[in-house]
């Protein structure tokens, strides 16, 4: 390998590209090897380098420090090879003079370096965490069903409290079969996502992301349904009779709904009151977001197909007059924001570590969210500075796991 001191500007550009930092190529185009080694933190505060550095040059400075150490070792070997004594060029073992001009008998010392850490994967599977996230999602689903059964008892009769005015209902008449189309599209999207998830490289990590997000969304839904009970959206609803404290029959009704997946086409969903916000919209939106995020960009036709299934399904919810428009809008915004927030925080290269006294730079809800993500996400080797060792290049907020998953599809 050519010595860094003799690198040209082209060699510097090649090294930056090889190290995964091509964004610095243009800014350092005029610097050769010695000029590269002289870079310090002050240089990253001034243009043009400051214009392309997103982390204050921390990644590049760490690589440069490693490069300086390698250059120093190479320049001060004094007849040693990798720290061990070397023989004469002809292969004999006659001792050579050291740097002080004294003869010394040298012998090679073998230092055993365990290979456990070097063979450790960058993203460990940790299926135990995935199992915990799955149990969390199941508990949230069951809790949602129980809350629906409780809220059903509080829904006012449609004869006494007619449906609330809705602008979409004024513009579009009800289509009876539209809700069946919505549920069919939802089942297709869930099936496609399940097949895609099985084919992913990091299925354990992505699986617990899905379980955590979908479980949290349905947990939020329990709260909104319970605190605000809306009347039925249309006079076509045929709600099951109220049981008025008959817990045995209520439990049977809950088990029937769980067994049927909470779908109307299976005949398991005959209760009313689960309007704010729409669970169907949650699944239609969330499955599309995960399908698109964890599939290659070249599958544009696949993305458009899933987007069409999701969009048509959401439109059919409103066309069937089975949810108020506000139910769908709130469900869409909560689902997309939680998905984006989770992935943005999960893929940050540094996250705050909560020890001892509580952090004061954010509310406790944010602290709890970060703690949950830290617990679910794979552990990475971290230096004392708090920065990951040899971090991957930061390309977009969902890098690197989503990109590696796409490559492993």
Protein backbone atom coordinates (compact mmCIF):
# COMPACT_ATOMS: atom_id res chain seq x y z
CA UNK A 1 0.00 0.00 0.00
CA UNK A 2 1.34 3.46 -0.91
CA UNK A 3 2.46 5.56 2.03
CA UNK A 4 0.09 8.34 3.04
CA UNK A 5 2.89 10.90 2.78
CA UNK A 6 3.09 10.21 -0.95
CA UNK A 7 -0.66 10.26 -1.61
CA UNK A 8 -1.93 12.54 -4.35
CA UNK A 9 -5.27 14.35 -4.32
CA UNK A 10 -6.70 11.49 -6.38
CA UNK A 11 -5.51 8.95 -3.80
CA UNK A 12 -7.23 10.98 -1.08
CA UNK A 13 -10.50 10.92 -3.05
CA UNK A 14 -10.22 7.15 -3.54
CA UNK A 15 -9.58 6.65 0.20
CA UNK A 16 -12.62 8.75 1.15
CA UNK A 17 -14.85 6.74 -1.20
CA UNK A 18 -13.46 3.46 0.13
CA UNK A 19 -14.11 4.53 3.73
CA UNK A 20 -17.75 5.31 2.90
CA UNK A 21 -17.52 9.10 3.07
CA UNK A 22 -17.91 10.26 -0.56
CA UNK A 23 -19.58 13.48 0.58
CA UNK A 24 -16.13 14.87 1.47
CA UNK A 25 -14.58 14.19 -1.96
CA UNK A 26 -15.42 17.58 -3.47
CA UNK A 27 -14.50 19.55 -0.34
CA UNK A 28 -11.07 17.86 -0.05
CA UNK A 29 -10.33 17.59 -3.75
CA UNK A 30 -7.24 19.86 -3.53
CA UNK A 31 -5.63 18.11 -0.52
CA UNK A 32 -2.93 15.46 -0.80
CA UNK A 33 -1.87 12.90 1.81
CA UNK A 34 0.14 15.16 4.16
CA UNK A 35 -2.56 17.84 4.02
CA UNK A 36 -5.17 15.21 4.86
CA UNK A 37 -3.26 14.15 7.98
CA UNK A 38 -3.03 17.77 9.15
CA UNK A 39 -6.83 18.19 9.32
CA UNK A 40 -8.19 19.07 12.77
CA UNK A 41 -11.49 20.03 14.37
CA UNK A 42 -11.04 23.71 13.49
CA UNK A 43 -10.99 22.86 9.77
CA UNK A 44 -14.46 21.34 10.08
CA UNK A 45 -15.87 24.61 11.40
CA UNK A 46 -14.96 26.48 8.21
CA UNK A 47 -16.19 26.09 4.65
CA UNK A 48 -16.08 24.17 2.44
CA UNK A 49 -15.81 21.21 4.83
CA UNK A 50 -18.42 22.58 7.25
CA UNK A 51 -20.98 22.65 4.42
CA UNK A 52 -20.90 18.86 3.95
CA UNK A 53 -20.26 17.73 7.54
CA UNK A 54 -23.39 16.66 9.42
CA UNK A 55 -21.64 15.55 12.64
CA UNK A 56 -18.89 18.13 13.01
CA UNK A 57 -16.48 15.83 11.18
CA UNK A 58 -16.45 13.31 14.04
CA UNK A 59 -16.46 10.25 11.77
CA UNK A 60 -13.72 11.53 9.49
CA UNK A 61 -11.57 12.69 12.43
CA UNK A 62 -11.77 9.20 13.95
CA UNK A 63 -10.69 7.63 10.66
CA UNK A 64 -7.86 10.17 10.33
CA UNK A 65 -6.64 9.38 13.85
CA UNK A 66 -6.48 5.70 12.91
CA UNK A 67 -4.65 6.61 9.71
CA UNK A 68 -2.10 8.72 11.66
CA UNK A 69 -1.43 5.84 14.05
CA UNK A 70 -0.90 3.43 11.15
CA UNK A 71 1.42 5.92 9.46
CA UNK A 72 3.40 6.40 12.69
CA UNK A 73 3.79 2.64 13.18
CA UNK A 74 4.88 2.20 9.58
CA UNK A 75 7.48 4.96 9.88
CA UNK A 76 8.99 3.65 13.17
CA UNK A 77 9.20 -0.07 12.59
CA UNK A 78 13.08 -0.11 12.75
CA UNK A 79 13.33 -3.57 11.28
CA UNK A 80 10.28 -4.93 13.06
CA UNK A 81 7.28 -6.38 11.28
CA UNK A 82 3.99 -5.75 13.05
CA UNK A 83 5.83 -5.34 16.34
CA UNK A 84 7.85 -8.58 15.98
CA UNK A 85 11.54 -8.88 15.23
CA UNK A 86 12.41 -9.58 11.64
CA UNK A 87 15.38 -11.48 10.26
CA UNK A 88 17.73 -10.56 7.48
CA UNK A 89 16.42 -10.21 3.95
CA UNK A 90 18.06 -13.54 3.04
CA UNK A 91 15.98 -15.33 5.64
CA UNK A 92 18.71 -15.90 8.24
CA UNK A 93 18.11 -15.23 11.91
CA UNK A 94 21.25 -13.19 12.57
CA UNK A 95 20.27 -10.31 14.84
CA UNK A 96 20.30 -6.79 13.42
CA UNK A 97 21.25 -3.57 15.15
CA UNK A 98 18.38 -1.76 16.80
CA UNK A 99 17.82 1.98 16.70
CA UNK A 100 20.35 2.59 19.48
CA UNK A 101 23.13 0.76 17.67
CA UNK A 102 23.25 -2.11 20.22
CA UNK A 103 22.97 -5.76 19.38
CA UNK A 104 20.10 -7.59 20.98
CA UNK A 105 18.74 -11.09 20.78
CA UNK A 106 15.16 -10.99 19.66
CA UNK A 107 12.53 -13.68 19.73
CA UNK A 108 9.01 -13.63 18.40
CA UNK A 109 6.25 -13.51 20.98
CA UNK A 110 2.81 -14.72 19.93
CA UNK A 111 -0.06 -12.78 21.49
CA UNK A 112 -3.39 -14.56 21.32
CA UNK A 113 -6.28 -12.25 20.45
CA UNK A 114 -9.70 -13.85 20.98
CA UNK A 115 -11.84 -13.76 17.87
CA UNK A 116 -15.17 -13.58 19.67
CA UNK A 117 -15.65 -9.82 19.36
CA UNK A 118 -14.43 -9.66 15.77
CA UNK A 119 -16.92 -12.31 14.71
CA UNK A 120 -19.84 -10.65 16.47
CA UNK A 121 -22.48 -9.48 13.98
CA UNK A 122 -23.13 -5.76 13.67
CA UNK A 123 -26.85 -6.29 14.27
CA UNK A 124 -27.47 -9.27 16.60
CA UNK A 125 -30.83 -10.96 16.14
CA UNK A 126 -31.88 -11.06 19.81
CA UNK A 127 -35.06 -13.06 19.25
CA UNK A 128 -35.89 -12.74 22.94
CA UNK A 129 -36.59 -9.04 22.46
CA UNK A 130 -38.72 -9.88 19.43
CA UNK A 131 -40.74 -12.31 21.53
CA UNK A 132 -41.31 -9.62 24.16
CA UNK A 133 -42.46 -7.17 21.46
CA UNK A 134 -44.82 -9.82 20.06
CA UNK A 135 -46.35 -10.45 23.49
CA UNK A 136 -46.73 -6.69 23.92
CA UNK A 137 -48.61 -6.44 20.60
CA UNK A 138 -50.90 -9.37 21.48
CA UNK A 139 -51.71 -7.85 24.88
CA UNK A 140 -52.58 -4.54 23.21
CA UNK A 141 -54.84 -6.31 20.69
CA UNK A 142 -56.68 -8.19 23.43
CA UNK A 143 -56.99 -5.01 25.50
CA UNK A 144 -58.48 -3.23 22.50
CA UNK A 145 -61.11 -5.95 22.15
CA UNK A 146 -62.01 -5.70 25.83
CA UNK A 147 -62.32 -1.91 25.58
CA UNK A 148 -64.57 -2.26 22.51
CA UNK A 149 -66.84 -4.54 24.52
CA UNK A 150 -66.96 -2.00 27.36
CA UNK A 151 -67.56 0.96 25.04
CA UNK A 152 -70.30 -0.95 23.21
CA UNK A 153 -72.40 -0.80 26.37
CA UNK A 154 -72.15 3.02 26.37
CA UNK A 155 -73.02 3.73 22.73
CA UNK A 156 -76.28 5.71 22.62
CA UNK A 157 -79.14 4.14 20.60
CA UNK A 158 -79.26 5.45 17.03
CA UNK A 159 -82.96 6.21 17.43
CA UNK A 160 -82.18 8.67 20.23
CA UNK A 161 -78.81 9.98 18.99
CA UNK A 162 -78.60 10.08 15.19
CA UNK A 163 -75.24 10.03 13.36
CA UNK A 164 -73.15 13.18 13.52
CA UNK A 165 -72.91 15.39 10.42
CA UNK A 166 -69.99 14.45 8.16
CA UNK A 167 -68.96 16.28 5.01
CA UNK A 168 -67.82 13.12 3.22
CA UNK A 169 -71.21 11.50 3.85
CA UNK A 170 -72.86 14.56 2.31
CA UNK A 171 -70.78 14.21 -0.87
CA UNK A 172 -70.86 10.43 -1.33
CA UNK A 173 -73.76 8.04 -0.86
CA UNK A 174 -73.13 4.81 1.01
CA UNK A 175 -71.90 1.79 -0.95
CA UNK A 176 -72.84 -1.38 0.90
CA UNK A 177 -70.03 -3.65 -0.34
CA UNK A 178 -67.25 -1.06 0.08
CA UNK A 179 -66.24 -2.16 3.58
CA UNK A 180 -65.67 -5.72 2.36
CA UNK A 181 -63.24 -4.35 -0.24
CA UNK A 182 -61.44 -2.49 2.53
CA UNK A 183 -60.98 -5.63 4.63
CA UNK A 184 -59.89 -7.72 1.62
CA UNK A 185 -57.25 -5.12 0.76
CA UNK A 186 -56.10 -5.13 4.37
CA UNK A 187 -55.70 -8.91 4.40
CA UNK A 188 -53.75 -8.77 1.12
CA UNK A 189 -51.37 -6.16 2.53
CA UNK A 190 -50.85 -8.11 5.75
CA UNK A 191 -50.15 -11.25 3.70
CA UNK A 192 -47.66 -9.46 1.44
CA UNK A 193 -45.88 -7.95 4.43
CA UNK A 194 -45.68 -11.35 6.15
CA UNK A 195 -44.08 -12.94 3.07
CA UNK A 196 -41.68 -10.02 2.68
CA UNK A 197 -40.74 -10.13 6.37
CA UNK A 198 -39.83 -13.83 6.12
CA UNK A 199 -37.43 -13.01 3.27
CA UNK A 200 -35.68 -10.14 5.08
CA UNK A 201 -32.13 -10.49 6.39
CA UNK A 202 -32.74 -8.73 9.72
CA UNK A 203 -36.24 -10.11 10.26
CA UNK A 204 -35.86 -10.25 14.05
CA UNK A 205 -35.07 -6.54 14.42
CA UNK A 206 -37.67 -5.43 11.88
CA UNK A 207 -40.25 -7.77 13.39
CA UNK A 208 -39.98 -6.26 16.83
CA UNK A 209 -40.16 -2.79 15.30
CA UNK A 210 -43.46 -3.76 13.69
CA UNK A 211 -44.86 -5.38 16.83
CA UNK A 212 -43.90 -2.41 19.00
CA UNK A 213 -45.39 0.17 16.65
CA UNK A 214 -48.64 -1.69 15.96
CA UNK A 215 -49.07 -2.54 19.64
CA UNK A 216 -48.55 1.08 20.67
CA UNK A 217 -51.04 2.28 18.05
CA UNK A 218 -53.74 -0.05 19.37
CA UNK A 219 -52.91 0.94 22.93
CA UNK A 220 -53.48 4.59 21.97
CA UNK A 221 -56.73 3.50 20.32
CA UNK A 222 -57.95 2.00 23.59
CA UNK A 223 -57.54 5.40 25.23
CA UNK A 224 -59.29 7.42 22.52
CA UNK A 225 -62.20 4.98 22.24
CA UNK A 226 -62.77 4.88 25.97
CA UNK A 227 -62.64 8.61 26.73
CA UNK A 228 -64.88 9.68 23.80
CA UNK A 229 -67.79 7.51 22.68
CA UNK A 230 -69.25 8.63 19.37
CA UNK A 231 -72.69 7.64 18.07
CA UNK A 232 -72.88 5.23 15.14
CA UNK A 233 -71.90 6.85 11.80
CA UNK A 234 -74.98 5.57 9.96
CA UNK A 235 -78.48 4.24 10.45
CA UNK A 236 -77.48 1.01 8.67
CA UNK A 237 -75.55 -0.25 11.72
CA UNK A 238 -76.97 -3.32 13.46
CA UNK A 239 -75.30 -3.41 16.84
CA UNK A 240 -75.46 -6.42 19.14
CA UNK A 241 -77.78 -6.00 22.13
CA UNK A 242 -76.29 -4.57 25.30
CA UNK A 243 -75.54 -7.16 27.98
CA UNK A 244 -75.78 -4.83 31.00
CA UNK A 245 -73.19 -6.51 33.20
CA UNK A 246 -73.45 -10.11 31.94
CA UNK A 247 -69.69 -10.71 32.01
CA UNK A 248 -69.88 -14.35 30.93
CA UNK A 249 -71.59 -13.50 27.64
CA UNK A 250 -69.29 -10.51 27.21
CA UNK A 251 -66.24 -12.77 27.46
CA UNK A 252 -67.71 -15.09 24.83
CA UNK A 253 -68.29 -12.09 22.59
CA UNK A 254 -64.70 -10.93 23.12
CA UNK A 255 -63.29 -14.39 22.30
CA UNK A 256 -65.43 -14.55 19.16
CA UNK A 257 -64.10 -11.19 18.01
CA UNK A 258 -60.49 -12.21 18.65
CA UNK A 259 -60.96 -15.50 16.80
CA UNK A 260 -62.39 -13.67 13.78
CA UNK A 261 -59.64 -11.07 13.70
CA UNK A 262 -62.09 -8.28 14.43
CA UNK A 263 -63.29 -8.33 10.81
CA UNK A 264 -66.83 -7.77 9.65
CA UNK A 265 -66.53 -10.23 6.75
CA UNK A 266 -65.86 -13.04 9.25
CA UNK A 267 -68.99 -12.12 11.22
CA UNK A 268 -66.99 -11.56 14.41
CA UNK A 269 -67.38 -7.78 14.67
CA UNK A 270 -70.95 -6.97 15.68
CA UNK A 271 -70.22 -4.38 18.36
CA UNK A 272 -70.32 -0.60 17.98
CA UNK A 273 -68.38 2.28 19.47
CA UNK A 274 -64.84 1.62 18.15
CA UNK A 275 -64.76 4.69 15.94
CA UNK A 276 -62.11 7.14 17.16
CA UNK A 277 -59.76 6.19 15.63
CA UNK A 278 -60.03 3.64 12.80
CA UNK A 279 -58.16 0.38 13.34
CA UNK A 280 -58.62 -0.58 9.68
CA UNK A 281 -56.85 2.63 8.63
CA UNK A 282 -54.01 1.83 11.02
CA UNK A 283 -53.35 -1.57 9.44
CA UNK A 284 -53.77 -0.35 5.85
CA UNK A 285 -51.32 2.50 6.43
CA UNK A 286 -48.79 0.70 8.62
CA UNK A 287 -48.39 -2.37 6.42
CA UNK A 288 -47.76 -0.16 3.38
CA UNK A 289 -45.16 1.89 5.27
CA UNK A 290 -43.25 -1.22 6.36
CA UNK A 291 -43.52 -2.82 2.92
CA UNK A 292 -42.10 0.26 1.21
CA UNK A 293 -39.37 0.94 3.77
CA UNK A 294 -37.96 -2.59 3.80
CA UNK A 295 -38.05 -3.41 0.09
CA UNK A 296 -35.63 -2.34 -2.68
CA UNK A 297 -36.34 0.94 -4.44
CA UNK A 298 -36.18 -0.82 -7.80
CA UNK A 299 -39.45 -2.60 -6.90
CA UNK A 300 -41.38 0.58 -7.72
CA UNK A 301 -44.24 -1.39 -9.25
CA UNK A 302 -44.60 -3.34 -5.99
CA UNK A 303 -44.70 -0.10 -4.01
CA UNK A 304 -47.35 1.38 -6.29
CA UNK A 305 -49.46 -1.80 -6.03
CA UNK A 306 -49.36 -1.73 -2.22
CA UNK A 307 -50.02 2.01 -2.15
CA UNK A 308 -53.08 1.48 -4.38
CA UNK A 309 -54.39 -1.28 -2.12
CA UNK A 310 -53.93 0.97 0.91
CA UNK A 311 -55.46 4.09 -0.66
CA UNK A 312 -58.46 2.22 -2.10
CA UNK A 313 -59.03 0.47 1.23
CA UNK A 314 -59.03 3.75 3.17
CA UNK A 315 -61.38 5.35 0.65
CA UNK A 316 -63.74 2.36 0.91
CA UNK A 317 -63.92 2.79 4.70
CA UNK A 318 -65.45 6.22 4.16
CA UNK A 319 -67.50 5.09 1.18
CA UNK A 320 -69.14 2.43 3.35
CA UNK A 321 -70.00 5.09 5.98
CA UNK A 322 -68.53 2.77 8.64
CA UNK A 323 -66.27 5.46 10.12
CA UNK A 324 -66.43 9.21 10.43
CA UNK A 325 -63.89 11.10 8.35
CA UNK A 326 -62.16 12.32 11.51
CA UNK A 327 -61.60 8.68 12.56
CA UNK A 328 -59.66 8.00 9.37
CA UNK A 329 -57.72 11.28 9.39
CA UNK A 330 -56.60 10.88 13.01
CA UNK A 331 -55.62 7.24 12.41
CA UNK A 332 -53.52 8.19 9.37
CA UNK A 333 -51.65 10.98 11.13
CA UNK A 334 -50.96 9.00 14.32
CA UNK A 335 -49.76 5.96 12.34
CA UNK A 336 -47.41 7.83 10.01
CA UNK A 337 -45.94 10.01 12.75
CA UNK A 338 -45.28 7.13 15.13
CA UNK A 339 -43.66 5.13 12.32
CA UNK A 340 -41.38 8.00 11.31
CA UNK A 341 -40.51 9.03 14.87
CA UNK A 342 -39.65 5.49 15.90
CA UNK A 343 -37.40 4.83 12.90
CA UNK A 344 -35.69 8.19 13.19
CA UNK A 345 -34.79 7.61 16.85
CA UNK A 346 -33.99 3.93 16.37
CA UNK A 347 -31.37 4.70 13.71
CA UNK A 348 -29.65 7.60 15.45
CA UNK A 349 -25.96 6.88 15.89
CA UNK A 350 -26.06 8.21 19.48
CA UNK A 351 -28.93 8.17 21.94
CA UNK A 352 -29.03 9.56 25.48
CA UNK A 353 -28.29 7.04 28.22
CA UNK A 354 -30.45 7.56 31.29
CA UNK A 355 -28.53 6.93 34.49
CA UNK A 356 -29.18 8.19 37.99
CA UNK A 357 -31.05 11.46 37.93
CA UNK A 358 -33.55 12.05 35.17
CA UNK A 359 -32.48 13.94 32.07
CA UNK A 360 -33.72 17.52 32.06
CA UNK A 361 -33.60 18.29 28.35
CA UNK A 362 -36.96 16.72 27.48
CA UNK A 363 -40.31 15.63 28.91
CA UNK A 364 -40.69 12.31 30.66
CA UNK A 365 -42.80 10.93 27.79
CA UNK A 366 -39.91 11.43 25.38
CA UNK A 367 -37.53 9.86 27.87
CA UNK A 368 -39.78 6.82 28.15
CA UNK A 369 -40.01 6.52 24.37
CA UNK A 370 -36.24 6.68 23.96
CA UNK A 371 -35.76 4.13 26.74
CA UNK A 372 -38.19 1.75 25.02
CA UNK A 373 -36.36 2.09 21.72
CA UNK A 374 -32.95 1.65 23.36
CA UNK A 375 -34.26 -1.54 24.97
CA UNK A 376 -35.64 -2.94 21.71
CA UNK A 377 -32.90 -1.95 19.28
CA UNK A 378 -29.71 -4.03 18.88
CA UNK A 379 -26.72 -3.07 21.01
CA UNK A 380 -23.69 -1.63 19.23
CA UNK A 381 -20.09 -1.31 20.38
CA UNK A 382 -19.57 2.23 21.75
CA UNK A 383 -16.38 4.07 22.60
CA UNK A 384 -15.93 6.20 25.72
CA UNK A 385 -16.84 9.25 23.66
CA UNK A 386 -20.33 7.83 23.18
CA UNK A 387 -19.96 7.42 19.42
CA UNK A 388 -20.33 4.00 17.78
CA UNK A 389 -17.08 2.34 16.74
CA UNK A 390 -16.63 2.44 12.96
CA UNK A 391 -20.14 3.78 12.37
CA UNK A 392 -21.69 3.34 8.93
CA UNK A 393 -22.09 6.39 6.68
CA UNK A 394 -25.23 8.34 7.52
CA UNK A 395 -27.26 8.73 4.31
CA UNK A 396 -30.83 9.33 5.46
CA UNK A 397 -32.84 9.16 8.70
CA UNK A 398 -33.66 5.45 8.27
CA UNK A 399 -30.10 4.35 7.51
CA UNK A 400 -28.46 1.87 8.02
CA UNK A 401 -30.76 -1.02 8.95
CA UNK A 402 -33.39 -0.36 6.31
CA UNK A 403 -30.75 -0.24 3.56
CA UNK A 404 -29.08 -3.44 4.74
CA UNK A 405 -32.46 -5.14 4.90
CA UNK A 406 -33.19 -4.10 1.35
CA UNK A 407 -29.90 -5.58 0.23
CA UNK A 408 -30.70 -8.81 2.03
CA UNK A 409 -34.18 -9.19 0.56
